C-alpha atoms as a PDB file:
ATOM      1  CA  MET A   1       0.000   0.000   0.000  1.00  0.00           C
ATOM      2  CA  LYS A   2       1.345   3.414  -0.969  1.00  0.00           C
ATOM      3  CA  LYS A   3       2.062   5.684   1.998  1.00  0.00           C
ATOM      4  CA  GLY A   4       1.031   9.353   1.999  1.00  0.00           C
ATOM      5  CA  LYS A   5       3.443  12.281   2.290  1.00  0.00           C
ATOM      6  CA  ARG A   6       2.452  13.017   5.879  1.00  0.00           C
ATOM      7  CA  TYR A   7       3.059   9.401   6.915  1.00  0.00           C
ATOM      8  CA  ILE A   8       6.466   9.357   5.212  1.00  0.00           C
ATOM      9  CA  GLU A   9       7.497  12.580   6.956  1.00  0.00           C
ATOM     10  CA  SER A  10       6.233  11.282  10.331  1.00  0.00           C
ATOM     11  CA  ALA A  11       8.025   7.950   9.865  1.00  0.00           C
ATOM     12  CA  LYS A  12      11.343   9.780   9.512  1.00  0.00           C
ATOM     13  CA  LEU A  13      11.075  10.743  13.190  1.00  0.00           C
ATOM     14  CA  VAL A  14      10.942   7.080  14.256  1.00  0.00           C
ATOM     15  CA  ASP A  15      13.941   4.745  14.330  1.00  0.00           C
ATOM     16  CA  LYS A  16      12.530   1.293  13.598  1.00  0.00           C
ATOM     17  CA  ALA A  17      15.502  -0.405  15.257  1.00  0.00           C
ATOM     18  CA  THR A  18      15.066   1.425  18.567  1.00  0.00           C
ATOM     19  CA  LEU A  19      13.078   0.228  21.565  1.00  0.00           C
ATOM     20  CA  TYR A  20      11.777   3.445  23.100  1.00  0.00           C
ATOM     21  CA  THR A  21      10.819   4.042  26.716  1.00  0.00           C
ATOM     22  CA  VAL A  22       7.066   4.371  27.285  1.00  0.00           C
ATOM     23  CA  ALA A  23       7.438   8.131  27.764  1.00  0.00           C
ATOM     24  CA  ASP A  24       9.512   8.634  24.612  1.00  0.00           C
ATOM     25  CA  ALA A  25       7.314   6.314  22.528  1.00  0.00           C
ATOM     26  CA  LEU A  26       4.131   8.143  23.460  1.00  0.00           C
ATOM     27  CA  ASP A  27       5.810  11.504  22.960  1.00  0.00           C
ATOM     28  CA  LEU A  28       6.674  10.333  19.444  1.00  0.00           C
ATOM     29  CA  ALA A  29       3.150   8.983  18.879  1.00  0.00           C
ATOM     30  CA  VAL A  30       1.798  12.454  19.645  1.00  0.00           C
ATOM     31  CA  LYS A  31       4.396  14.185  17.428  1.00  0.00           C
ATOM     32  CA  THR A  32       3.868  11.845  14.475  1.00  0.00           C
ATOM     33  CA  ALA A  33       0.082  12.307  14.457  1.00  0.00           C
ATOM     34  CA  SER A  34      -0.346  14.638  11.505  1.00  0.00           C
ATOM     35  CA  ALA A  35      -4.032  14.232  10.612  1.00  0.00           C
ATOM     36  CA  LYS A  36      -6.462  17.132  10.907  1.00  0.00           C
ATOM     37  CA  PHE A  37      -8.595  15.172  13.391  1.00  0.00           C
ATOM     38  CA  ASP A  38      -7.796  14.066  16.939  1.00  0.00           C
ATOM     39  CA  GLU A  39      -6.178  10.714  16.228  1.00  0.00           C
ATOM     40  CA  THR A  40      -6.666   7.665  18.418  1.00  0.00           C
ATOM     41  CA  VAL A  41      -3.592   6.108  20.021  1.00  0.00           C
ATOM     42  CA  GLU A  42      -3.485   2.317  20.064  1.00  0.00           C
ATOM     43  CA  LEU A  43      -1.395  -0.143  22.035  1.00  0.00           C
ATOM     44  CA  HIS A  44      -0.370  -3.402  20.331  1.00  0.00           C
ATOM     45  CA  VAL A  45       1.003  -6.273  22.412  1.00  0.00           C
ATOM     46  CA  LYS A  46       2.289  -9.505  20.854  1.00  0.00           C
ATOM     47  CA  LEU A  47       2.008 -12.336  23.383  1.00  0.00           C
ATOM     48  CA  GLY A  48       3.823 -15.664  23.641  1.00  0.00           C
ATOM     49  CA  VAL A  49       0.632 -17.699  23.862  1.00  0.00           C
ATOM     50  CA  ASP A  50      -1.427 -19.837  21.504  1.00  0.00           C
ATOM     51  CA  GLY A  51      -4.958 -18.465  21.525  1.00  0.00           C
ATOM     52  CA  ARG A  52      -6.240 -21.573  19.769  1.00  0.00           C
ATOM     53  CA  ASN A  53      -5.957 -23.326  23.137  1.00  0.00           C
ATOM     54  CA  ALA A  54      -8.690 -22.535  25.662  1.00  0.00           C
ATOM     55  CA  ASP A  55      -6.181 -22.511  28.538  1.00  0.00           C
ATOM     56  CA  GLN A  56      -4.063 -19.834  26.833  1.00  0.00           C
ATOM     57  CA  GLN A  57      -6.746 -17.237  26.199  1.00  0.00           C
ATOM     58  CA  VAL A  58      -6.041 -13.686  27.355  1.00  0.00           C
ATOM     59  CA  ARG A  59      -9.128 -11.538  27.759  1.00  0.00           C
ATOM     60  CA  GLY A  60     -10.484  -9.004  30.201  1.00  0.00           C
ATOM     61  CA  VAL A  61     -11.577  -5.432  30.793  1.00  0.00           C
ATOM     62  CA  VAL A  62     -10.072  -2.363  32.449  1.00  0.00           C
ATOM     63  CA  VAL A  63     -11.304   1.148  33.113  1.00  0.00           C
ATOM     64  CA  LEU A  64      -8.789   3.671  31.773  1.00  0.00           C
ATOM     65  CA  PRO A  65      -8.055   6.403  34.353  1.00  0.00           C
ATOM     66  CA  HIS A  66      -8.376   9.101  31.683  1.00  0.00           C
ATOM     67  CA  GLY A  67     -11.041   7.407  29.578  1.00  0.00           C
ATOM     68  CA  THR A  68     -10.791   6.733  25.851  1.00  0.00           C
ATOM     69  CA  GLY A  69     -11.696  10.154  24.548  1.00  0.00           C
ATOM     70  CA  LYS A  70     -14.558   8.569  22.661  1.00  0.00           C
ATOM     71  CA  SER A  71     -18.168   8.638  23.776  1.00  0.00           C
ATOM     72  CA  LYS A  72     -19.559   5.140  23.240  1.00  0.00           C
ATOM     73  CA  LYS A  73     -23.193   4.565  22.305  1.00  0.00           C
ATOM     74  CA  ILE A  74     -24.676   1.788  24.443  1.00  0.00           C
ATOM     75  CA  LEU A  75     -27.516  -0.540  23.506  1.00  0.00           C
ATOM     76  CA  VAL A  76     -29.106  -2.372  26.437  1.00  0.00           C
ATOM     77  CA  PHE A  77     -31.373  -5.372  26.038  1.00  0.00           C
ATOM     78  CA  ALA A  78     -33.702  -5.295  29.036  1.00  0.00           C
ATOM     79  CA  LYS A  79     -37.347  -5.348  30.089  1.00  0.00           C
ATOM     80  CA  GLY A  80     -39.443  -3.888  32.905  1.00  0.00           C
ATOM     81  CA  ASP A  81     -37.555  -2.429  35.861  1.00  0.00           C
ATOM     82  CA  ASN A  82     -34.204  -3.255  34.252  1.00  0.00           C
ATOM     83  CA  ALA A  83     -35.157  -1.219  31.188  1.00  0.00           C
ATOM     84  CA  ASP A  84     -35.966   1.746  33.444  1.00  0.00           C
ATOM     85  CA  ILE A  85     -32.645   1.346  35.261  1.00  0.00           C
ATOM     86  CA  ALA A  86     -30.755   1.261  31.967  1.00  0.00           C
ATOM     87  CA  THR A  87     -32.487   4.401  30.719  1.00  0.00           C
ATOM     88  CA  LYS A  88     -31.790   6.303  33.945  1.00  0.00           C
ATOM     89  CA  ALA A  89     -28.149   5.152  33.893  1.00  0.00           C
ATOM     90  CA  GLY A  90     -27.624   6.762  30.509  1.00  0.00           C
ATOM     91  CA  ALA A  91     -28.022   3.965  27.975  1.00  0.00           C
ATOM     92  CA  ASP A  92     -28.484   5.376  24.468  1.00  0.00           C
ATOM     93  CA  PHE A  93     -30.878   2.654  23.322  1.00  0.00           C
ATOM     94  CA  VAL A  94     -32.998   0.284  25.422  1.00  0.00           C
ATOM     95  CA  GLY A  95     -35.269  -2.475  24.205  1.00  0.00           C
ATOM     96  CA  ALA A  96     -35.867  -6.193  23.779  1.00  0.00           C
ATOM     97  CA  GLU A  97     -37.485  -8.053  20.869  1.00  0.00           C
ATOM     98  CA  ASP A  98     -38.020  -4.698  19.125  1.00  0.00           C
ATOM     99  CA  MET A  99     -34.267  -4.065  19.022  1.00  0.00           C
ATOM    100  CA  VAL A 100     -33.596  -7.604  17.779  1.00  0.00           C
ATOM    101  CA  GLN A 101     -36.061  -6.999  14.965  1.00  0.00           C
ATOM    102  CA  LYS A 102     -34.510  -3.624  14.120  1.00  0.00           C
ATOM    103  CA  ILE A 103     -31.073  -5.220  13.783  1.00  0.00           C
ATOM    104  CA  GLN A 104     -32.467  -8.125  11.751  1.00  0.00           C
ATOM    105  CA  THR A 105     -34.646  -6.144   9.348  1.00  0.00           C
ATOM    106  CA  GLN A 106     -32.817  -2.821   9.078  1.00  0.00           C
ATOM    107  CA  ASN A 107     -29.232  -4.051   9.531  1.00  0.00           C
ATOM    108  CA  TRP A 108     -28.976  -1.338  12.205  1.00  0.00           C
ATOM    109  CA  PHE A 109     -25.745  -0.963  14.160  1.00  0.00           C
ATOM    110  CA  GLY A 110     -25.922   2.532  15.590  1.00  0.00           C
ATOM    111  CA  PHE A 111     -24.182   1.486  18.818  1.00  0.00           C
ATOM    112  CA  ASP A 112     -20.661   0.644  20.010  1.00  0.00           C
ATOM    113  CA  VAL A 113     -21.385  -1.650  22.964  1.00  0.00           C
ATOM    114  CA  CYS A 114     -24.191  -4.074  23.741  1.00  0.00           C
ATOM    115  CA  VAL A 115     -25.135  -4.808  27.371  1.00  0.00           C
ATOM    116  CA  THR A 116     -27.789  -7.163  28.694  1.00  0.00           C
ATOM    117  CA  THR A 117     -29.164  -8.970  31.718  1.00  0.00           C
ATOM    118  CA  PRO A 118     -28.711 -12.779  31.808  1.00  0.00           C
ATOM    119  CA  ASP A 119     -32.443 -13.453  31.293  1.00  0.00           C
ATOM    120  CA  MET A 120     -32.346 -11.687  27.912  1.00  0.00           C
ATOM    121  CA  MET A 121     -29.617 -13.899  26.424  1.00  0.00           C
ATOM    122  CA  PRO A 122     -32.108 -16.289  24.711  1.00  0.00           C
ATOM    123  CA  VAL A 123     -33.630 -13.277  22.939  1.00  0.00           C
ATOM    124  CA  ILE A 124     -30.222 -11.961  21.816  1.00  0.00           C
ATOM    125  CA  GLY A 125     -29.268 -15.475  20.731  1.00  0.00           C
ATOM    126  CA  ARG A 126     -31.350 -14.919  17.596  1.00  0.00           C
ATOM    127  CA  ILE A 127     -28.819 -12.356  16.365  1.00  0.00           C
ATOM    128  CA  ALA A 128     -25.662 -13.895  17.829  1.00  0.00           C
ATOM    129  CA  LYS A 129     -24.333 -14.720  14.349  1.00  0.00           C
ATOM    130  CA  VAL A 130     -24.680 -11.063  13.407  1.00  0.00           C
ATOM    131  CA  LEU A 131     -23.331  -9.509  16.612  1.00  0.00           C
ATOM    132  CA  GLY A 132     -20.472 -11.990  17.096  1.00  0.00           C
ATOM    133  CA  PRO A 133     -18.362 -11.163  14.013  1.00  0.00           C
ATOM    134  CA  LYS A 134     -18.655  -7.454  14.825  1.00  0.00           C
ATOM    135  CA  GLY A 135     -17.431  -7.997  18.387  1.00  0.00           C
ATOM    136  CA  LEU A 136     -20.768  -6.788  19.757  1.00  0.00           C
ATOM    137  CA  MET A 137     -22.080  -9.969  21.385  1.00  0.00           C
ATOM    138  CA  PRO A 138     -22.538  -9.459  25.153  1.00  0.00           C
ATOM    139  CA  ASN A 139     -20.217 -11.612  27.246  1.00  0.00           C
ATOM    140  CA  PRO A 140     -19.937 -12.154  31.021  1.00  0.00           C
ATOM    141  CA  LYS A 141     -16.109 -11.938  30.792  1.00  0.00           C
ATOM    142  CA  SER A 142     -16.305  -8.421  29.404  1.00  0.00           C
ATOM    143  CA  GLY A 143     -18.917  -7.402  31.971  1.00  0.00           C
ATOM    144  CA  THR A 144     -21.608  -6.872  29.351  1.00  0.00           C
ATOM    145  CA  VAL A 145     -23.862  -9.660  30.645  1.00  0.00           C
ATOM    146  CA  THR A 146     -24.737  -8.466  34.139  1.00  0.00           C
ATOM    147  CA  THR A 147     -27.429  -7.996  36.757  1.00  0.00           C
ATOM    148  CA  ASP A 148     -25.948  -4.577  37.635  1.00  0.00           C
ATOM    149  CA  LEU A 149     -26.765  -2.555  34.547  1.00  0.00           C
ATOM    150  CA  ALA A 150     -26.153   0.814  36.197  1.00  0.00           C
ATOM    151  CA  LYS A 151     -22.574  -0.141  37.113  1.00  0.00           C
ATOM    152  CA  ALA A 152     -21.850  -1.603  33.666  1.00  0.00           C
ATOM    153  CA  ILE A 153     -23.130   1.503  31.887  1.00  0.00           C
ATOM    154  CA  ALA A 154     -21.218   3.838  34.217  1.00  0.00           C
ATOM    155  CA  GLU A 155     -17.942   1.958  33.626  1.00  0.00           C
ATOM    156  CA  ILE A 156     -18.357   1.997  29.853  1.00  0.00           C
ATOM    157  CA  LYS A 157     -19.108   5.724  29.898  1.00  0.00           C
ATOM    158  CA  ALA A 158     -16.068   6.257  32.148  1.00  0.00           C
ATOM    159  CA  GLY A 159     -13.730   4.575  29.670  1.00  0.00           C
ATOM    160  CA  LYS A 160     -13.868   0.813  30.093  1.00  0.00           C
ATOM    161  CA  VAL A 161     -12.046  -1.063  27.341  1.00  0.00           C
ATOM    162  CA  GLU A 162     -11.800  -4.747  26.568  1.00  0.00           C
ATOM    163  CA  TYR A 163      -8.538  -6.475  25.693  1.00  0.00           C
ATOM    164  CA  ARG A 164      -8.452  -9.822  23.913  1.00  0.00           C
ATOM    165  CA  LEU A 165      -6.242 -11.813  21.581  1.00  0.00           C
ATOM    166  CA  ASP A 166      -6.723 -11.632  17.841  1.00  0.00           C
ATOM    167  CA  LYS A 167      -5.975 -14.655  15.644  1.00  0.00           C
ATOM    168  CA  ASN A 168      -2.281 -13.677  15.545  1.00  0.00           C
ATOM    169  CA  ASN A 169      -2.038 -13.635  19.361  1.00  0.00           C
ATOM    170  CA  ILE A 170      -1.822  -9.840  19.433  1.00  0.00           C
ATOM    171  CA  VAL A 171      -3.842  -7.598  21.744  1.00  0.00           C
ATOM    172  CA  HIS A 172      -4.923  -4.250  20.272  1.00  0.00           C
ATOM    173  CA  VAL A 173      -6.294  -1.673  22.713  1.00  0.00           C
ATOM    174  CA  MET A 174      -7.298   1.954  22.308  1.00  0.00           C
ATOM    175  CA  ILE A 175      -5.562   3.953  25.059  1.00  0.00           C
ATOM    176  CA  GLY A 176      -6.842   7.438  24.302  1.00  0.00           C
ATOM    177  CA  LYS A 177      -6.508  10.372  21.930  1.00  0.00           C
ATOM    178  CA  VAL A 178      -3.466  12.343  20.799  1.00  0.00           C
ATOM    179  CA  SER A 179      -4.917  15.400  22.546  1.00  0.00           C
ATOM    180  CA  PHE A 180      -4.480  13.648  25.923  1.00  0.00           C
ATOM    181  CA  GLY A 181      -0.733  14.216  25.737  1.00  0.00           C
ATOM    182  CA  ALA A 182       2.008  11.687  26.519  1.00  0.00           C
ATOM    183  CA  ASP A 183       1.591  11.700  30.324  1.00  0.00           C
ATOM    184  CA  LYS A 184      -2.088  10.744  30.401  1.00  0.00           C
ATOM    185  CA  LEU A 185      -1.578   8.219  27.618  1.00  0.00           C
ATOM    186  CA  ALA A 186       1.245   6.661  29.659  1.00  0.00           C
ATOM    187  CA  GLU A 187      -1.040   6.263  32.675  1.00  0.00           C
ATOM    188  CA  ASN A 188      -3.712   4.615  30.524  1.00  0.00           C
ATOM    189  CA  LEU A 189      -1.093   2.344  28.941  1.00  0.00           C
ATOM    190  CA  LYS A 190       0.216   1.228  32.340  1.00  0.00           C
ATOM    191  CA  VAL A 191      -3.271   0.159  33.484  1.00  0.00           C
ATOM    192  CA  VAL A 192      -3.728  -1.961  30.347  1.00  0.00           C
ATOM    193  CA  MET A 193      -0.246  -3.501  30.499  1.00  0.00           C
ATOM    194  CA  ASP A 194      -0.625  -4.333  34.209  1.00  0.00           C
ATOM    195  CA  ALA A 195      -3.905  -6.104  33.416  1.00  0.00           C
ATOM    196  CA  ILE A 196      -2.419  -8.065  30.504  1.00  0.00           C
ATOM    197  CA  ILE A 197       0.565  -9.158  32.610  1.00  0.00           C
ATOM    198  CA  LYS A 198      -1.726 -10.185  35.471  1.00  0.00           C
ATOM    199  CA  ALA A 199      -3.851 -12.176  33.007  1.00  0.00           C
ATOM    200  CA  LYS A 200      -0.919 -14.393  31.951  1.00  0.00           C
ATOM    201  CA  PRO A 201      -2.283 -17.946  31.546  1.00  0.00           C
ATOM    202  CA  ALA A 202      -0.665 -20.626  33.699  1.00  0.00           C
ATOM    203  CA  ALA A 203      -0.237 -22.703  30.530  1.00  0.00           C
ATOM    204  CA  ALA A 204       1.840 -20.025  28.771  1.00  0.00           C
ATOM    205  CA  LYS A 205       5.489 -21.063  28.354  1.00  0.00           C
ATOM    206  CA  GLY A 206       8.567 -19.020  27.497  1.00  0.00           C
ATOM    207  CA  THR A 207       8.505 -15.264  26.921  1.00  0.00           C
ATOM    208  CA  TYR A 208       5.037 -13.875  27.596  1.00  0.00           C
ATOM    209  CA  ILE A 209       5.391 -10.263  26.404  1.00  0.00           C
ATOM    210  CA  LYS A 210       7.053 -10.676  22.998  1.00  0.00           C
ATOM    211  CA  SER A 211       6.710  -7.130  21.695  1.00  0.00           C
ATOM    212  CA  VAL A 212       4.943  -3.882  22.505  1.00  0.00           C
ATOM    213  CA  SER A 213       4.272  -0.972  20.171  1.00  0.00           C
ATOM    214  CA  VAL A 214       2.107   2.131  19.976  1.00  0.00           C
ATOM    215  CA  SER A 215       0.783   4.136  17.064  1.00  0.00           C
ATOM    216  CA  SER A 216      -1.671   6.873  16.271  1.00  0.00           C
ATOM    217  CA  THR A 217      -4.448   6.300  13.718  1.00  0.00           C
ATOM    218  CA  MET A 218      -2.443   7.615  10.772  1.00  0.00           C
ATOM    219  CA  GLY A 219       1.044   7.426  12.267  1.00  0.00           C
ATOM    220  CA  PRO A 220       3.855   4.859  12.141  1.00  0.00           C
ATOM    221  CA  GLY A 221       4.332   2.047  14.658  1.00  0.00           C
ATOM    222  CA  ILE A 222       6.737   2.802  17.520  1.00  0.00           C
ATOM    223  CA  LYS A 223       8.405  -0.057  19.404  1.00  0.00           C
ATOM    224  CA  VAL A 224       8.279   0.117  23.194  1.00  0.00           C
ATOM    225  CA  GLN A 225      10.674  -1.369  25.722  1.00  0.00           C
ATOM    226  CA  TYR A 226       8.581  -3.234  28.300  1.00  0.00           C
END
């Protein structure tokens, strides 16, 4: 893929052979963000595990101390009192079978996170094949299947992010926006890295943290010493 002029100029500031400290790497990530919008900064962690094995999965959630910089739209599947609780807690969309039908018939995905109570799972099961590939299927491990809707909604609004392995055994996590500055990004990064290290599977052998890098949306990858 052909790189743009801005990317090429930004990449000149980064030495690909250097492992930067967290502070220097994030400082560079901010400097190399040249887009006209407030770019997202992502953390990429290659792990020495085999995600194909159930006992080597790495997955969890953390609340970033400075949030993500992005306001997430939340869809809650709930009925009765739970629906009222979800609405009062700030959910953007609340419903049950009507929301399932809207997704099925209108191919509607105007939300970023889907939360539900356990009793609604059979209803959501009808659209599991649609939500799953998009990473929107509620899951107890990510705290999106819960009896405490108010808490779940508050945490998501506050900046809760999920980390999980992709098929290449790499974890990709949004840690904020360029406008946060290097210091706040570093604090968010530390919370995620601490969680990933703590989540090391007992079955994992050899080097666990194989490589760490950060990058802004349009910027080059920057290797981090960790």
